[in-house]
Amino acid sequence: MCCDFENLAFLFKALSHPVRVQLVAGLMQKEECHVNIMVEKLGLPQPVISQHLTVLKAARIIEGRRKGNLICYKLINDQVRSMLHALEEPRNNSSL
């Protein structure tokens, strides 16, 4: 079989919340980003953002690294990047 369905289901579960999709989509646009910017852009409290980042890290979709007092996050899962990119294309190329 070409796909590991359990792993794929785990990725979909991690992406099953709109905030997590927004976080990943934002990280697709930047090489890396720290929580303060995410809080500012999404208008959500820092603990809420951190909870969602924890889910994404556990699914190995993102990783964080310390930069001074901040933790910067980046998208590391190319499969997720491809899935979200594929979902964007029809919307961007729509000529209705």
Protein backbone atom coordinates (compact mmCIF):
# COMPACT_ATOMS: atom_id res chain seq x y z
CA MET A 1 0.00 0.00 0.00
CA CYS A 2 1.30 3.47 -0.86
CA CYS A 3 0.10 5.27 2.27
CA ASP A 4 0.23 4.75 6.00
CA PHE A 5 -3.44 5.39 6.77
CA GLU A 6 -2.95 5.61 10.54
CA ASN A 7 -0.31 8.30 10.09
CA LEU A 8 -2.51 10.15 7.60
CA ALA A 9 -5.47 10.01 10.00
CA PHE A 10 -3.21 11.33 12.79
CA LEU A 11 -2.20 14.28 10.59
CA PHE A 12 -5.83 15.03 9.69
CA LYS A 13 -6.79 14.89 13.37
CA ALA A 14 -4.03 17.36 14.22
CA LEU A 15 -5.35 19.66 11.49
CA SER A 16 -8.98 19.26 12.51
CA HIS A 17 -9.24 22.66 14.21
CA PRO A 18 -9.46 25.93 12.25
CA VAL A 19 -6.85 27.63 14.46
CA ARG A 20 -4.32 24.87 13.78
CA VAL A 21 -4.98 25.12 10.04
CA GLN A 22 -4.45 28.90 10.28
CA LEU A 23 -1.19 28.39 12.16
CA VAL A 24 0.13 25.93 9.59
CA ALA A 25 -1.02 28.11 6.69
CA GLY A 26 0.77 31.06 8.26
CA LEU A 27 3.94 29.03 8.71
CA MET A 28 3.76 28.06 5.04
CA GLN A 29 4.19 31.77 4.24
CA LYS A 30 7.18 32.33 6.55
CA GLU A 31 10.33 30.39 7.23
CA GLU A 32 9.67 30.66 10.95
CA CYS A 33 7.54 32.64 13.38
CA HIS A 34 7.35 33.18 17.14
CA VAL A 35 4.28 32.98 19.34
CA ASN A 36 3.97 36.73 19.93
CA ILE A 37 3.40 37.32 16.22
CA MET A 38 0.88 34.46 16.07
CA VAL A 39 -1.01 35.95 19.02
CA GLU A 40 -1.04 39.36 17.34
CA LYS A 41 -2.14 38.07 13.92
CA LEU A 42 -4.83 35.66 15.15
CA GLY A 43 -6.06 37.80 18.04
CA LEU A 44 -6.13 34.84 20.42
CA PRO A 45 -4.62 34.53 23.91
CA GLN A 46 -1.10 33.13 24.11
CA PRO A 47 -2.16 30.01 26.10
CA VAL A 48 -4.67 29.09 23.37
CA ILE A 49 -2.01 29.42 20.66
CA SER A 50 0.42 27.37 22.76
CA GLN A 51 -2.12 24.55 23.20
CA HIS A 52 -2.62 24.34 19.44
CA LEU A 53 1.14 24.47 18.81
CA THR A 54 1.56 21.54 21.22
CA VAL A 55 -0.85 19.44 19.15
CA LEU A 56 0.99 20.34 15.93
CA LYS A 57 4.36 19.53 17.49
CA ALA A 58 3.12 16.16 18.76
CA ALA A 59 2.00 15.33 15.22
CA ARG A 60 5.46 16.34 13.91
CA ILE A 61 3.94 18.98 11.68
CA ILE A 62 5.97 21.80 13.21
CA GLU A 63 9.02 22.16 15.40
CA GLY A 64 10.15 24.90 17.71
CA ARG A 65 13.57 26.19 18.62
CA ARG A 66 14.60 28.69 21.23
CA LYS A 67 15.86 32.06 20.02
CA GLY A 68 16.77 34.05 23.13
CA ASN A 69 13.58 34.41 25.18
CA LEU A 70 11.36 33.35 22.27
CA ILE A 71 10.52 30.03 20.71
CA CYS A 72 10.34 30.18 16.93
CA TYR A 73 8.26 27.63 15.06
CA LYS A 74 8.55 26.33 11.54
CA LEU A 75 6.66 23.90 9.36
CA ILE A 76 8.65 20.67 8.95
CA ASN A 77 6.14 18.26 7.44
CA ASP A 78 6.28 18.35 3.65
CA GLN A 79 3.26 16.04 3.37
CA VAL A 80 1.10 18.59 5.23
CA ARG A 81 2.57 21.42 3.16
CA SER A 82 1.62 19.55 -0.03
CA MET A 83 -1.88 18.76 1.21
CA LEU A 84 -2.65 22.36 2.14
CA HIS A 85 -1.08 23.67 -1.05
CA ALA A 86 -3.22 21.28 -3.10
CA LEU A 87 -6.34 22.46 -1.27
CA GLU A 88 -5.48 26.10 -2.02
CA GLU A 89 -4.98 25.63 -5.77
CA PRO A 90 -8.62 25.09 -6.82
CA ARG A 91 -9.69 28.12 -4.81
CA ASN A 92 -6.93 30.29 -6.32
CA ASN A 93 -7.59 29.10 -9.88
CA SER A 94 -11.36 29.32 -9.71
CA SER A 95 -12.83 31.13 -12.73
CA LEU A 96 -16.53 30.94 -11.84
